[in-house]
Protein backbone atom coordinates (compact mmCIF):
# COMPACT_ATOMS: atom_id res chain seq x y z
CA UNK A 1 4.17 12.66 2.27
CA UNK A 2 2.57 10.24 0.15
CA UNK A 3 0.84 9.99 -3.40
CA UNK A 4 -2.62 10.11 -4.83
CA UNK A 5 -3.79 9.28 -8.34
CA UNK A 6 -6.98 8.76 -10.23
CA UNK A 7 -7.25 6.34 -13.37
CA UNK A 8 -10.08 5.29 -15.88
CA UNK A 9 -11.95 2.29 -14.25
CA UNK A 10 -14.61 1.52 -17.00
CA UNK A 11 -14.30 4.04 -20.09
CA UNK A 12 -17.56 3.62 -21.44
CA UNK A 13 -19.50 3.60 -18.23
CA UNK A 14 -17.53 7.17 -17.17
CA UNK A 15 -16.02 5.18 -14.14
CA UNK A 16 -12.89 6.21 -12.41
CA UNK A 17 -10.90 4.80 -9.66
CA UNK A 18 -8.92 6.82 -7.05
CA UNK A 19 -5.99 5.54 -5.13
CA UNK A 20 -3.88 7.06 -2.27
CA UNK A 21 -1.22 6.46 0.31
CA UNK A 22 0.04 8.49 2.88
CA UNK A 23 3.58 7.59 4.71
CA UNK A 24 2.95 6.69 8.36
CA UNK A 25 4.84 9.67 9.66
CA UNK A 26 2.22 12.05 8.06
CA UNK A 27 -0.89 10.10 8.93
CA UNK A 28 -3.77 11.29 11.09
CA UNK A 29 -3.24 15.00 9.76
CA UNK A 30 -5.99 14.98 7.35
CA UNK A 31 -3.73 14.93 4.21
CA UNK A 32 -5.37 11.72 2.78
CA UNK A 33 -9.08 12.84 3.19
CA UNK A 34 -8.23 16.34 1.70
CA UNK A 35 -6.38 14.70 -1.13
CA UNK A 36 -9.08 12.13 -1.77
CA UNK A 37 -11.84 14.84 -1.56
CA UNK A 38 -9.82 16.80 -4.21
CA UNK A 39 -9.56 13.69 -6.47
CA UNK A 40 -13.34 13.08 -6.20
CA UNK A 41 -14.35 16.66 -7.02
CA UNK A 42 -12.07 16.74 -9.92
CA UNK A 43 -13.63 13.52 -11.26
CA UNK A 44 -17.15 14.68 -10.93
CA UNK A 45 -16.62 18.24 -11.93
CA UNK A 46 -13.88 17.88 -14.76
CA UNK A 47 -13.93 14.22 -15.96
CA UNK A 48 -17.74 14.11 -16.05
CA UNK A 49 -17.58 10.80 -13.95
CA UNK A 50 -20.65 9.11 -13.42
CA UNK A 51 -18.90 6.63 -10.85
CA UNK A 52 -15.76 6.83 -8.77
CA UNK A 53 -14.46 3.61 -7.11
CA UNK A 54 -12.19 3.13 -4.10
CA UNK A 55 -10.82 -0.06 -2.79
CA UNK A 56 -8.51 -1.19 0.01
CA UNK A 57 -7.55 -4.03 1.95
CA UNK A 58 -10.13 -5.07 4.44
CA UNK A 59 -7.56 -4.96 7.24
CA UNK A 60 -6.77 -1.03 6.33
CA UNK A 61 -9.28 0.30 8.59
CA UNK A 62 -7.93 3.90 8.18
CA UNK A 63 -8.33 3.74 4.26
CA UNK A 64 -11.80 2.44 4.58
CA UNK A 65 -12.73 5.05 7.24
CA UNK A 66 -11.16 7.77 4.96
CA UNK A 67 -13.36 6.57 1.92
CA UNK A 68 -16.44 6.71 4.08
CA UNK A 69 -15.77 10.28 5.36
CA UNK A 70 -15.71 11.31 1.76
CA UNK A 71 -19.07 9.92 1.17
CA UNK A 72 -18.52 6.15 0.02
CA UNK A 73 -20.90 3.42 1.42
CA UNK A 74 -19.36 0.25 2.02
CA UNK A 75 -20.60 -1.99 -0.87
CA UNK A 76 -19.15 -5.17 -1.13
CA UNK A 77 -16.17 -7.22 0.36
CA UNK A 78 -14.81 -10.16 -1.67
CA UNK A 79 -11.59 -12.12 -1.71
CA UNK A 80 -9.37 -10.81 -4.57
CA UNK A 81 -7.41 -12.87 -5.66
CA UNK A 82 -8.53 -16.55 -4.75
CA UNK A 83 -7.55 -17.17 -1.30
CA UNK A 84 -6.16 -13.76 -1.08
CA UNK A 85 -6.69 -10.96 1.32
CA UNK A 86 -10.29 -9.47 1.34
CA UNK A 87 -10.81 -5.95 -0.17
CA UNK A 88 -13.51 -3.64 0.51
CA UNK A 89 -15.00 -1.91 -2.70
CA UNK A 90 -16.31 1.54 -1.69
CA UNK A 91 -18.37 3.12 -4.65
CA UNK A 92 -19.39 6.80 -4.98
CA UNK A 93 -22.05 7.36 -7.47
CA UNK A 94 -23.52 10.50 -8.72
CA UNK A 95 -22.45 14.06 -8.85
CA UNK A 96 -20.22 15.59 -5.96
CA UNK A 97 -22.01 18.05 -3.91
């Protein structure tokens, strides 16, 4: 169906990053949103996260919409690496409700 993961982003700031991928044949069924929401809740409730980061290619509108659905505002769009694709960085700050 896909994958989901969470990893330490900046240890001394209690920051974590989430990532996810859903195979095309399972897309649009809510699996990505449900999984990302669970990772987000886990980070704030069990890892004592101060910040959770999610990034996606700026052309990946479905991933950007998913991150926005779970509460991430669009904060920055920057080219990474130089002359490479543009990435959206969406950051969730504070305790999960």
